[in-house]
Amino acid sequence: MGKKDKKDKKEKKDKKEKKDKKEKKDKNKDIEEAFEKDKEDKPQKEEKSKAPESPKKAEKSEKLAKKEESKSPKKSKPEKFPQPVEDSDDDEVKTDEELNAKMLALQQEKEQEEKLKKRQEQAQLFEQYLEHSGMTYAFEIIFSEIIAKQIREDQVFAYTAMRLRQIGKELDSISKEEGKSDSGE
């Protein structure tokens, strides 16, 4: 009997599962049918809602539509005129705006090059001044003294200023002596 009970239970279970599947299919069909019905009903409802409720309203809407149709179209000016088109050598079509932008970019590039040349000339003139005045040699001497005397970092600026004054005074005295010796000979 144990085997029969198991078979019976299994058969009942299978029947129940089949029945559940069938019910699910039926529910899905019902849902799909209801969905399709809604789709069909909506256009009809929309058409009904578009229709005016009274004949007076219908007449008014018709008159309004006729008035709008009978009005002559308004003249309007275009907001922006089309740009003239030019052909370039490399068969590219460019508008005036693009050409103007490129011209402006070239002009700015030339201005930057001129500024760079002026800066380089000024730097060269300053280097020549330093060489003729002996400032480069003065700084080399001061730098070597700072390293040799191991001057602290917080006193480097003050030491440099002091030495520059001393060197300037020495150069003045030397140039005065040379001026006296030249005039005395």
N, C-alpha and C. Protein backbone atom coordinates (compact mmCIF):
# COMPACT_ATOMS: atom_id res chain seq x y z
N MET A 1 0.79 -1.19 0.00
CA MET A 1 0.00 0.00 0.00
C MET A 1 0.84 1.26 0.00
N GLY A 2 2.00 1.18 0.51
CA GLY A 2 2.86 2.35 0.58
C GLY A 2 3.18 2.89 -0.79
N LYS A 3 3.38 1.99 -1.75
CA LYS A 3 3.72 2.43 -3.10
C LYS A 3 2.51 3.06 -3.78
N LYS A 4 1.34 2.50 -3.55
CA LYS A 4 0.13 3.04 -4.15
C LYS A 4 -0.17 4.43 -3.62
N ASP A 5 0.03 4.60 -2.33
CA ASP A 5 -0.21 5.91 -1.72
C ASP A 5 0.73 6.96 -2.34
N LYS A 6 1.96 6.57 -2.52
CA LYS A 6 2.92 7.50 -3.10
C LYS A 6 2.52 7.85 -4.53
N LYS A 7 2.08 6.84 -5.31
CA LYS A 7 1.65 7.09 -6.68
C LYS A 7 0.42 7.98 -6.71
N ASP A 8 -0.51 7.70 -5.82
CA ASP A 8 -1.73 8.50 -5.75
C ASP A 8 -1.40 9.96 -5.41
N LYS A 9 -0.52 10.12 -4.42
CA LYS A 9 -0.12 11.47 -4.03
C LYS A 9 0.55 12.19 -5.20
N LYS A 10 1.39 11.44 -5.90
CA LYS A 10 2.11 12.02 -7.03
C LYS A 10 1.14 12.42 -8.13
N GLU A 11 0.17 11.56 -8.42
CA GLU A 11 -0.83 11.85 -9.45
C GLU A 11 -1.67 13.07 -9.06
N LYS A 12 -2.04 13.12 -7.79
CA LYS A 12 -2.82 14.27 -7.31
C LYS A 12 -2.01 15.56 -7.45
N LYS A 13 -0.75 15.45 -7.11
CA LYS A 13 0.14 16.61 -7.20
C LYS A 13 0.26 17.07 -8.65
N ASP A 14 0.46 16.14 -9.57
CA ASP A 14 0.57 16.47 -10.99
C ASP A 14 -0.72 17.12 -11.51
N LYS A 15 -1.86 16.54 -11.11
CA LYS A 15 -3.15 17.09 -11.53
C LYS A 15 -3.31 18.52 -11.01
N LYS A 16 -2.90 18.71 -9.76
CA LYS A 16 -3.02 20.03 -9.15
C LYS A 16 -2.14 21.05 -9.89
N GLU A 17 -0.92 20.64 -10.22
CA GLU A 17 0.00 21.53 -10.94
C GLU A 17 -0.57 21.89 -12.32
N LYS A 18 -1.13 20.89 -13.02
CA LYS A 18 -1.73 21.14 -14.33
C LYS A 18 -2.90 22.11 -14.21
N LYS A 19 -3.68 21.90 -13.16
CA LYS A 19 -4.83 22.75 -12.94
C LYS A 19 -4.38 24.19 -12.66
N ASP A 20 -3.33 24.36 -11.84
CA ASP A 20 -2.80 25.69 -11.52
C ASP A 20 -2.26 26.38 -12.79
N LYS A 21 -1.56 25.61 -13.61
CA LYS A 21 -1.03 26.17 -14.86
C LYS A 21 -2.16 26.64 -15.76
N LYS A 22 -3.21 25.82 -15.84
CA LYS A 22 -4.35 26.17 -16.67
C LYS A 22 -5.02 27.44 -16.17
N GLU A 23 -5.16 27.55 -14.84
CA GLU A 23 -5.77 28.74 -14.25
C GLU A 23 -4.92 29.99 -14.55
N LYS A 24 -3.60 29.84 -14.46
CA LYS A 24 -2.71 30.97 -14.75
C LYS A 24 -2.86 31.40 -16.20
N LYS A 25 -2.93 30.43 -17.12
CA LYS A 25 -3.10 30.76 -18.52
C LYS A 25 -4.42 31.50 -18.75
N ASP A 26 -5.47 30.99 -18.10
CA ASP A 26 -6.77 31.64 -18.24
C ASP A 26 -6.72 33.08 -17.72
N LYS A 27 -6.05 33.29 -16.57
CA LYS A 27 -5.93 34.64 -16.01
C LYS A 27 -5.16 35.54 -16.97
N ASN A 28 -4.07 35.01 -17.52
CA ASN A 28 -3.28 35.80 -18.47
C ASN A 28 -4.10 36.18 -19.70
N LYS A 29 -4.91 35.21 -20.18
CA LYS A 29 -5.76 35.50 -21.33
C LYS A 29 -6.77 36.58 -20.99
N ASP A 30 -7.36 36.46 -19.81
CA ASP A 30 -8.34 37.47 -19.38
C ASP A 30 -7.69 38.85 -19.31
N ILE A 31 -6.50 38.90 -18.75
CA ILE A 31 -5.79 40.18 -18.64
C ILE A 31 -5.49 40.75 -20.02
N GLU A 32 -5.01 39.91 -20.93
CA GLU A 32 -4.71 40.37 -22.29
C GLU A 32 -5.97 40.86 -23.00
N GLU A 33 -7.07 40.13 -22.83
CA GLU A 33 -8.32 40.54 -23.45
C GLU A 33 -8.79 41.89 -22.90
N ALA A 34 -8.66 42.05 -21.59
CA ALA A 34 -9.08 43.31 -20.98
C ALA A 34 -8.19 44.46 -21.49
N PHE A 35 -6.92 44.19 -21.63
CA PHE A 35 -5.97 45.20 -22.11
C PHE A 35 -6.32 45.61 -23.54
N GLU A 36 -6.61 44.63 -24.39
CA GLU A 36 -6.97 44.91 -25.77
C GLU A 36 -8.29 45.69 -25.84
N LYS A 37 -9.22 45.32 -24.98
CA LYS A 37 -10.50 46.02 -24.94
C LYS A 37 -10.30 47.49 -24.58
N ASP A 38 -9.41 47.72 -23.60
CA ASP A 38 -9.12 49.10 -23.19
C ASP A 38 -8.54 49.89 -24.36
N LYS A 39 -7.66 49.24 -25.11
CA LYS A 39 -7.07 49.91 -26.26
C LYS A 39 -8.14 50.31 -27.27
N GLU A 40 -9.08 49.41 -27.51
CA GLU A 40 -10.14 49.69 -28.46
C GLU A 40 -11.08 50.77 -27.95
N ASP A 41 -11.33 50.77 -26.65
CA ASP A 41 -12.27 51.73 -26.06
C ASP A 41 -11.68 53.13 -25.99
N LYS A 42 -10.40 53.26 -25.80
CA LYS A 42 -9.78 54.58 -25.62
C LYS A 42 -9.98 55.49 -26.82
N PRO A 43 -9.74 55.04 -28.05
CA PRO A 43 -9.98 55.95 -29.18
C PRO A 43 -11.44 56.42 -29.25
N GLN A 44 -12.36 55.52 -28.92
CA GLN A 44 -13.77 55.91 -28.93
C GLN A 44 -14.04 56.96 -27.87
N LYS A 45 -13.45 56.78 -26.70
CA LYS A 45 -13.64 57.74 -25.62
C LYS A 45 -13.05 59.09 -26.00
N GLU A 46 -11.87 59.06 -26.64
CA GLU A 46 -11.23 60.31 -27.05
C GLU A 46 -12.07 61.03 -28.09
N GLU A 47 -12.64 60.27 -29.04
CA GLU A 47 -13.48 60.88 -30.05
C GLU A 47 -14.71 61.52 -29.42
N LYS A 48 -15.24 60.84 -28.43
CA LYS A 48 -16.41 61.38 -27.75
C LYS A 48 -16.05 62.66 -27.01
N SER A 49 -14.87 62.68 -26.40
CA SER A 49 -14.48 63.86 -25.64
C SER A 49 -14.18 65.04 -26.57
N LYS A 50 -13.79 64.75 -27.80
CA LYS A 50 -13.51 65.82 -28.75
C LYS A 50 -14.79 66.48 -29.24
N ALA A 51 -15.84 65.74 -29.32
CA ALA A 51 -17.10 66.27 -29.81
C ALA A 51 -17.66 67.26 -28.80
N PRO A 52 -18.14 68.42 -29.26
CA PRO A 52 -18.69 69.40 -28.32
C PRO A 52 -20.00 68.91 -27.72
N GLU A 53 -20.29 69.43 -26.58
CA GLU A 53 -21.48 68.98 -25.87
C GLU A 53 -22.76 69.57 -26.47
N SER A 54 -22.69 70.78 -26.98
CA SER A 54 -23.90 71.41 -27.51
C SER A 54 -23.66 71.88 -28.94
N PRO A 55 -24.72 72.07 -29.71
CA PRO A 55 -24.57 72.53 -31.09
C PRO A 55 -24.04 73.95 -31.17
N LYS A 56 -24.31 74.79 -30.16
CA LYS A 56 -23.80 76.16 -30.17
C LYS A 56 -22.28 76.16 -30.11
N LYS A 57 -21.75 75.29 -29.26
CA LYS A 57 -20.29 75.20 -29.14
C LYS A 57 -19.68 74.71 -30.45
N ALA A 58 -20.36 73.79 -31.12
CA ALA A 58 -19.87 73.27 -32.39
C ALA A 58 -19.81 74.40 -33.42
N GLU A 59 -20.83 75.24 -33.47
CA GLU A 59 -20.86 76.35 -34.42
C GLU A 59 -19.73 77.34 -34.13
N LYS A 60 -19.53 77.63 -32.87
CA LYS A 60 -18.46 78.56 -32.49
C LYS A 60 -17.09 78.03 -32.91
N SER A 61 -16.86 76.75 -32.66
CA SER A 61 -15.56 76.18 -33.01
C SER A 61 -15.35 76.17 -34.52
N GLU A 62 -16.44 75.92 -35.30
CA GLU A 62 -16.34 75.95 -36.75
C GLU A 62 -16.04 77.37 -37.25
N LYS A 63 -16.71 78.36 -36.68
CA LYS A 63 -16.47 79.75 -37.07
C LYS A 63 -15.03 80.16 -36.78
N LEU A 64 -14.56 79.75 -35.63
CA LEU A 64 -13.19 80.08 -35.24
C LEU A 64 -12.19 79.45 -36.21
N ALA A 65 -12.43 78.19 -36.58
CA ALA A 65 -11.55 77.51 -37.52
C ALA A 65 -11.55 78.21 -38.88
N LYS A 66 -12.75 78.67 -39.33
CA LYS A 66 -12.84 79.36 -40.62
C LYS A 66 -12.09 80.69 -40.59
N LYS A 67 -12.20 81.40 -39.47
CA LYS A 67 -11.50 82.68 -39.34
C LYS A 67 -9.99 82.49 -39.44
N GLU A 68 -9.50 81.45 -38.77
CA GLU A 68 -8.06 81.20 -38.79
C GLU A 68 -7.58 80.84 -40.18
N GLU A 69 -8.41 80.09 -40.93
CA GLU A 69 -8.03 79.70 -42.28
C GLU A 69 -8.07 80.90 -43.22
N SER A 70 -9.03 81.80 -43.02
CA SER A 70 -9.20 82.93 -43.93
C SER A 70 -8.14 84.02 -43.75
N LYS A 71 -7.48 84.04 -42.60
CA LYS A 71 -6.46 85.06 -42.37
C LYS A 71 -5.29 84.85 -43.32
N SER A 72 -4.80 85.95 -43.87
CA SER A 72 -3.66 85.84 -44.77
C SER A 72 -2.39 85.61 -43.94
N PRO A 73 -1.46 84.89 -44.49
CA PRO A 73 -0.24 84.64 -43.72
C PRO A 73 0.53 85.94 -43.50
N LYS A 74 1.11 86.06 -42.35
CA LYS A 74 1.86 87.27 -42.00
C LYS A 74 3.22 87.24 -42.66
N LYS A 75 3.68 88.43 -43.05
CA LYS A 75 5.03 88.53 -43.59
C LYS A 75 5.99 88.61 -42.43
N SER A 76 6.99 87.80 -42.48
CA SER A 76 7.99 87.83 -41.40
C SER A 76 9.37 87.94 -42.02
N LYS A 77 10.22 88.62 -41.30
CA LYS A 77 11.60 88.78 -41.75
C LYS A 77 12.42 87.64 -41.20
N PRO A 78 13.33 87.12 -41.99
CA PRO A 78 14.20 86.07 -41.43
C PRO A 78 15.10 86.68 -40.36
N GLU A 79 15.27 85.95 -39.29
CA GLU A 79 16.08 86.46 -38.19
C GLU A 79 17.55 86.55 -38.58
N LYS A 80 18.02 85.60 -39.35
CA LYS A 80 19.43 85.58 -39.72
C LYS A 80 19.53 85.24 -41.20
N PHE A 81 20.23 86.06 -41.94
CA PHE A 81 20.41 85.79 -43.35
C PHE A 81 21.48 84.73 -43.53
N PRO A 82 21.33 83.89 -44.53
CA PRO A 82 22.36 82.88 -44.75
C PRO A 82 23.68 83.53 -45.12
N GLN A 83 24.75 82.96 -44.64
CA GLN A 83 26.08 83.50 -44.89
C GLN A 83 26.52 83.13 -46.31
N PRO A 84 27.19 84.06 -47.00
CA PRO A 84 27.71 83.72 -48.32
C PRO A 84 28.79 82.64 -48.20
N VAL A 85 28.84 81.79 -49.18
CA VAL A 85 29.76 80.66 -49.14
C VAL A 85 30.89 80.91 -50.13
N GLU A 86 32.11 80.59 -49.70
CA GLU A 86 33.28 80.75 -50.56
C GLU A 86 33.99 79.42 -50.70
N ASP A 87 34.53 79.18 -51.88
CA ASP A 87 35.31 77.97 -52.11
C ASP A 87 36.77 78.29 -51.90
N SER A 88 37.47 77.42 -51.18
CA SER A 88 38.90 77.63 -50.97
C SER A 88 39.68 76.75 -51.93
N ASP A 89 41.00 76.87 -51.90
CA ASP A 89 41.85 76.11 -52.81
C ASP A 89 41.75 74.61 -52.59
N ASP A 90 41.57 74.21 -51.34
CA ASP A 90 41.56 72.79 -51.03
C ASP A 90 40.15 72.20 -51.11
N ASP A 91 39.27 72.83 -51.88
CA ASP A 91 37.90 72.36 -52.13
C ASP A 91 37.05 72.24 -50.88
N GLU A 92 37.35 72.99 -49.84
CA GLU A 92 36.50 73.02 -48.65
C GLU A 92 35.61 74.26 -48.74
N VAL A 93 34.39 74.12 -48.33
CA VAL A 93 33.46 75.24 -48.34
C VAL A 93 33.49 75.88 -46.96
N LYS A 94 33.70 77.21 -46.92
CA LYS A 94 33.81 77.91 -45.64
C LYS A 94 32.91 79.14 -45.67
N THR A 95 32.35 79.46 -44.54
CA THR A 95 31.52 80.66 -44.46
C THR A 95 32.38 81.84 -44.05
N ASP A 96 31.81 83.02 -44.18
CA ASP A 96 32.54 84.24 -43.80
C ASP A 96 32.91 84.23 -42.32
N GLU A 97 32.02 83.70 -41.48
CA GLU A 97 32.30 83.67 -40.05
C GLU A 97 33.54 82.84 -39.74
N GLU A 98 33.65 81.69 -40.40
CA GLU A 98 34.83 80.84 -40.19
C GLU A 98 36.09 81.56 -40.64
N LEU A 99 36.00 82.23 -41.78
CA LEU A 99 37.17 82.95 -42.28
C LEU A 99 37.56 84.08 -41.34
N ASN A 100 36.57 84.80 -40.84
CA ASN A 100 36.85 85.89 -39.89
C ASN A 100 37.49 85.35 -38.62
N ALA A 101 37.01 84.22 -38.13
CA ALA A 101 37.57 83.63 -36.92
C ALA A 101 39.03 83.22 -37.15
N LYS A 102 39.31 82.66 -38.32
CA LYS A 102 40.69 82.25 -38.61
C LYS A 102 41.60 83.47 -38.77
N MET A 103 41.07 84.52 -39.39
CA MET A 103 41.87 85.74 -39.54
C MET A 103 42.19 86.33 -38.17
N LEU A 104 41.20 86.34 -37.29
CA LEU A 104 41.39 86.86 -35.94
C LEU A 104 42.43 86.02 -35.19
N ALA A 105 42.36 84.70 -35.35
CA ALA A 105 43.32 83.82 -34.69
C ALA A 105 44.74 84.09 -35.21
N LEU A 106 44.89 84.27 -36.51
CA LEU A 106 46.20 84.57 -37.08
C LEU A 106 46.73 85.91 -36.58
N GLN A 107 45.84 86.89 -36.48
CA GLN A 107 46.25 88.21 -35.99
C GLN A 107 46.72 88.12 -34.54
N GLN A 108 45.99 87.37 -33.72
CA GLN A 108 46.39 87.21 -32.32
C GLN A 108 47.72 86.48 -32.21
N GLU A 109 47.92 85.50 -33.09
CA GLU A 109 49.18 84.76 -33.09
C GLU A 109 50.35 85.68 -33.44
N LYS A 110 50.14 86.55 -34.42
CA LYS A 110 51.19 87.51 -34.79
C LYS A 110 51.51 88.45 -33.64
N GLU A 111 50.46 88.93 -32.94
CA GLU A 111 50.68 89.82 -31.80
C GLU A 111 51.47 89.12 -30.70
N GLN A 112 51.16 87.86 -30.46
CA GLN A 112 51.90 87.11 -29.44
C GLN A 112 53.35 86.92 -29.84
N GLU A 113 53.60 86.67 -31.13
CA GLU A 113 54.98 86.53 -31.60
C GLU A 113 55.75 87.84 -31.42
N GLU A 114 55.09 88.96 -31.72
CA GLU A 114 55.74 90.27 -31.55
C GLU A 114 56.07 90.52 -30.08
N LYS A 115 55.14 90.20 -29.19
CA LYS A 115 55.40 90.37 -27.75
C LYS A 115 56.57 89.50 -27.31
N LEU A 116 56.61 88.27 -27.82
CA LEU A 116 57.70 87.36 -27.46
C LEU A 116 59.04 87.90 -27.95
N LYS A 117 59.07 88.45 -29.17
CA LYS A 117 60.30 89.04 -29.69
C LYS A 117 60.76 90.21 -28.84
N LYS A 118 59.81 91.07 -28.43
CA LYS A 118 60.16 92.22 -27.58
C LYS A 118 60.74 91.75 -26.25
N ARG A 119 60.13 90.72 -25.67
CA ARG A 119 60.63 90.20 -24.39
C ARG A 119 62.04 89.65 -24.54
N GLN A 120 62.27 88.92 -25.65
CA GLN A 120 63.60 88.36 -25.87
C GLN A 120 64.63 89.46 -26.06
N GLU A 121 64.27 90.51 -26.79
CA GLU A 121 65.18 91.65 -26.98
C GLU A 121 65.49 92.32 -25.65
N GLN A 122 64.46 92.52 -24.82
CA GLN A 122 64.68 93.13 -23.51
C GLN A 122 65.57 92.26 -22.64
N ALA A 123 65.36 90.94 -22.70
CA ALA A 123 66.20 90.04 -21.91
C ALA A 123 67.65 90.11 -22.37
N GLN A 124 67.87 90.18 -23.70
CA GLN A 124 69.23 90.29 -24.22
C GLN A 124 69.88 91.61 -23.80
N LEU A 125 69.11 92.69 -23.87
CA LEU A 125 69.65 94.00 -23.45
C LEU A 125 70.01 93.98 -21.96
N PHE A 126 69.16 93.36 -21.15
CA PHE A 126 69.43 93.30 -19.72
C PHE A 126 70.68 92.47 -19.44
N GLU A 127 70.83 91.35 -20.17
CA GLU A 127 72.03 90.52 -20.00
C GLU A 127 73.28 91.32 -20.39
N GLN A 128 73.21 92.06 -21.49
CA GLN A 128 74.35 92.89 -21.90
C GLN A 128 74.67 93.94 -20.84
N TYR A 129 73.64 94.56 -20.27
CA TYR A 129 73.85 95.56 -19.22
C TYR A 129 74.56 94.93 -18.02
N LEU A 130 74.07 93.75 -17.63
CA LEU A 130 74.69 93.08 -16.47
C LEU A 130 76.15 92.76 -16.75
N GLU A 131 76.46 92.32 -17.97
CA GLU A 131 77.85 91.98 -18.30
C GLU A 131 78.72 93.23 -18.29
N HIS A 132 78.25 94.32 -18.87
CA HIS A 132 79.04 95.55 -18.93
C HIS A 132 79.18 96.22 -17.57
N SER A 133 78.13 96.12 -16.76
CA SER A 133 78.20 96.78 -15.45
C SER A 133 78.94 95.94 -14.42
N GLY A 134 79.18 94.69 -14.72
CA GLY A 134 79.89 93.84 -13.78
C GLY A 134 78.99 93.21 -12.73
N MET A 135 77.68 93.36 -12.88
CA MET A 135 76.75 92.80 -11.90
C MET A 135 76.82 91.28 -11.85
N THR A 136 76.98 90.64 -13.01
CA THR A 136 77.03 89.18 -12.99
C THR A 136 78.24 88.71 -12.18
N TYR A 137 79.36 89.42 -12.35
CA TYR A 137 80.56 89.05 -11.59
C TYR A 137 80.35 89.32 -10.10
N ALA A 138 79.65 90.43 -9.80
CA ALA A 138 79.39 90.76 -8.40
C ALA A 138 78.54 89.67 -7.76
N PHE A 139 77.52 89.22 -8.46
CA PHE A 139 76.68 88.16 -7.89
C PHE A 139 77.44 86.85 -7.76
N GLU A 140 78.32 86.57 -8.71
CA GLU A 140 79.13 85.35 -8.58
C GLU A 140 80.01 85.42 -7.34
N ILE A 141 80.61 86.59 -7.10
CA ILE A 141 81.46 86.77 -5.91
C ILE A 141 80.63 86.62 -4.64
N ILE A 142 79.48 87.28 -4.61
CA ILE A 142 78.61 87.22 -3.42
C ILE A 142 78.15 85.79 -3.18
N PHE A 143 77.79 85.08 -4.24
CA PHE A 143 77.33 83.70 -4.09
C PHE A 143 78.44 82.82 -3.52
N SER A 144 79.65 82.99 -4.05
CA SER A 144 80.77 82.18 -3.53
C SER A 144 81.06 82.52 -2.07
N GLU A 145 80.93 83.81 -1.69
CA GLU A 145 81.14 84.20 -0.29
C GLU A 145 80.08 83.58 0.62
N ILE A 146 78.83 83.56 0.15
CA ILE A 146 77.73 82.99 0.95
C ILE A 146 78.01 81.51 1.22
N ILE A 147 78.48 80.82 0.19
CA ILE A 147 78.78 79.39 0.37
C ILE A 147 79.98 79.20 1.27
N ALA A 148 81.03 79.99 1.04
CA ALA A 148 82.27 79.85 1.83
C ALA A 148 82.04 80.19 3.29
N LYS A 149 81.30 81.25 3.57
CA LYS A 149 81.09 81.69 4.95
C LYS A 149 79.91 80.96 5.60
N GLN A 150 79.19 80.15 4.85
CA GLN A 150 78.04 79.39 5.34
C GLN A 150 77.03 80.30 6.05
N ILE A 151 76.60 81.31 5.34
CA ILE A 151 75.62 82.26 5.88
C ILE A 151 74.26 81.57 5.93
N ARG A 152 73.53 81.83 7.03
CA ARG A 152 72.22 81.20 7.22
C ARG A 152 71.23 81.69 6.15
N GLU A 153 70.23 80.85 5.91
CA GLU A 153 69.25 81.14 4.87
C GLU A 153 68.50 82.44 5.12
N ASP A 154 68.16 82.73 6.36
CA ASP A 154 67.38 83.93 6.65
C ASP A 154 68.21 85.20 6.54
N GLN A 155 69.52 85.09 6.40
CA GLN A 155 70.39 86.26 6.30
C GLN A 155 70.99 86.45 4.91
N VAL A 156 70.65 85.58 3.98
CA VAL A 156 71.23 85.65 2.63
C VAL A 156 70.85 86.95 1.94
N PHE A 157 69.60 87.36 2.02
CA PHE A 157 69.16 88.58 1.35
C PHE A 157 69.87 89.81 1.91
N ALA A 158 69.93 89.89 3.22
CA ALA A 158 70.58 91.05 3.86
C ALA A 158 72.07 91.09 3.50
N TYR A 159 72.74 89.93 3.50
CA TYR A 159 74.16 89.87 3.16
C TYR A 159 74.38 90.30 1.71
N THR A 160 73.49 89.82 0.81
CA THR A 160 73.62 90.18 -0.61
C THR A 160 73.47 91.69 -0.79
N ALA A 161 72.48 92.29 -0.15
CA ALA A 161 72.27 93.74 -0.27
C ALA A 161 73.48 94.51 0.25
N MET A 162 74.01 94.07 1.39
CA MET A 162 75.16 94.75 1.99
C MET A 162 76.37 94.67 1.06
N ARG A 163 76.64 93.49 0.50
CA ARG A 163 77.79 93.31 -0.38
C ARG A 163 77.63 94.09 -1.68
N LEU A 164 76.39 94.15 -2.20
CA LEU A 164 76.16 94.93 -3.42
C LEU A 164 76.46 96.41 -3.19
N ARG A 165 76.05 96.92 -2.04
CA ARG A 165 76.37 98.32 -1.71
C ARG A 165 77.88 98.52 -1.64
N GLN A 166 78.57 97.59 -0.98
CA GLN A 166 80.03 97.70 -0.84
C GLN A 166 80.71 97.65 -2.21
N ILE A 167 80.28 96.72 -3.04
CA ILE A 167 80.87 96.59 -4.37
C ILE A 167 80.59 97.84 -5.19
N GLY A 168 79.37 98.37 -5.08
CA GLY A 168 79.02 99.61 -5.79
C GLY A 168 79.92 100.75 -5.37
N LYS A 169 80.18 100.88 -4.06
CA LYS A 169 81.07 101.94 -3.57
C LYS A 169 82.48 101.74 -4.09
N GLU A 170 82.94 100.49 -4.10
CA GLU A 170 84.29 100.20 -4.59
C GLU A 170 84.40 100.56 -6.07
N LEU A 171 83.37 100.22 -6.85
CA LEU A 171 83.39 100.55 -8.28
C LEU A 171 83.38 102.06 -8.50
N ASP A 172 82.60 102.78 -7.69
CA ASP A 172 82.57 104.25 -7.79
C ASP A 172 83.94 104.84 -7.51
N SER A 173 84.58 104.35 -6.45
CA SER A 173 85.91 104.90 -6.09
C SER A 173 86.92 104.57 -7.17
N ILE A 174 86.83 103.38 -7.75
CA ILE A 174 87.76 103.01 -8.83
C ILE A 174 87.52 103.89 -10.05
N SER A 175 86.26 104.10 -10.40
CA SER A 175 85.96 104.93 -11.58
C SER A 175 86.37 106.38 -11.35
N LYS A 176 86.28 106.88 -10.11
CA LYS A 176 86.71 108.25 -9.82
C LYS A 176 88.22 108.35 -9.94
N GLU A 177 88.93 107.34 -9.46
CA GLU A 177 90.39 107.34 -9.56
C GLU A 177 90.83 107.31 -11.01
N GLU A 178 90.12 106.50 -11.83
CA GLU A 178 90.46 106.44 -13.25
C GLU A 178 90.17 107.77 -13.92
N GLY A 179 89.10 108.43 -13.51
CA GLY A 179 88.75 109.74 -14.07
C GLY A 179 89.79 110.78 -13.72
N LYS A 180 90.34 110.74 -12.49
CA LYS A 180 91.36 111.70 -12.07
C LYS A 180 92.66 111.44 -12.80
N SER A 181 92.98 110.15 -12.95
CA SER A 181 94.25 109.83 -13.60
C SER A 181 94.20 110.17 -15.08
N ASP A 182 93.04 110.02 -15.70
CA ASP A 182 92.90 110.37 -17.11
C ASP A 182 93.00 111.88 -17.30
N SER A 183 92.43 112.67 -16.41
CA SER A 183 92.44 114.13 -16.55
C SER A 183 93.81 114.69 -16.15
N GLY A 184 94.54 114.00 -15.27
CA GLY A 184 95.84 114.47 -14.81
C GLY A 184 96.94 114.19 -15.79
N GLU A 185 96.81 113.27 -16.69
CA GLU A 185 97.86 112.92 -17.63
C GLU A 185 97.91 113.84 -18.74
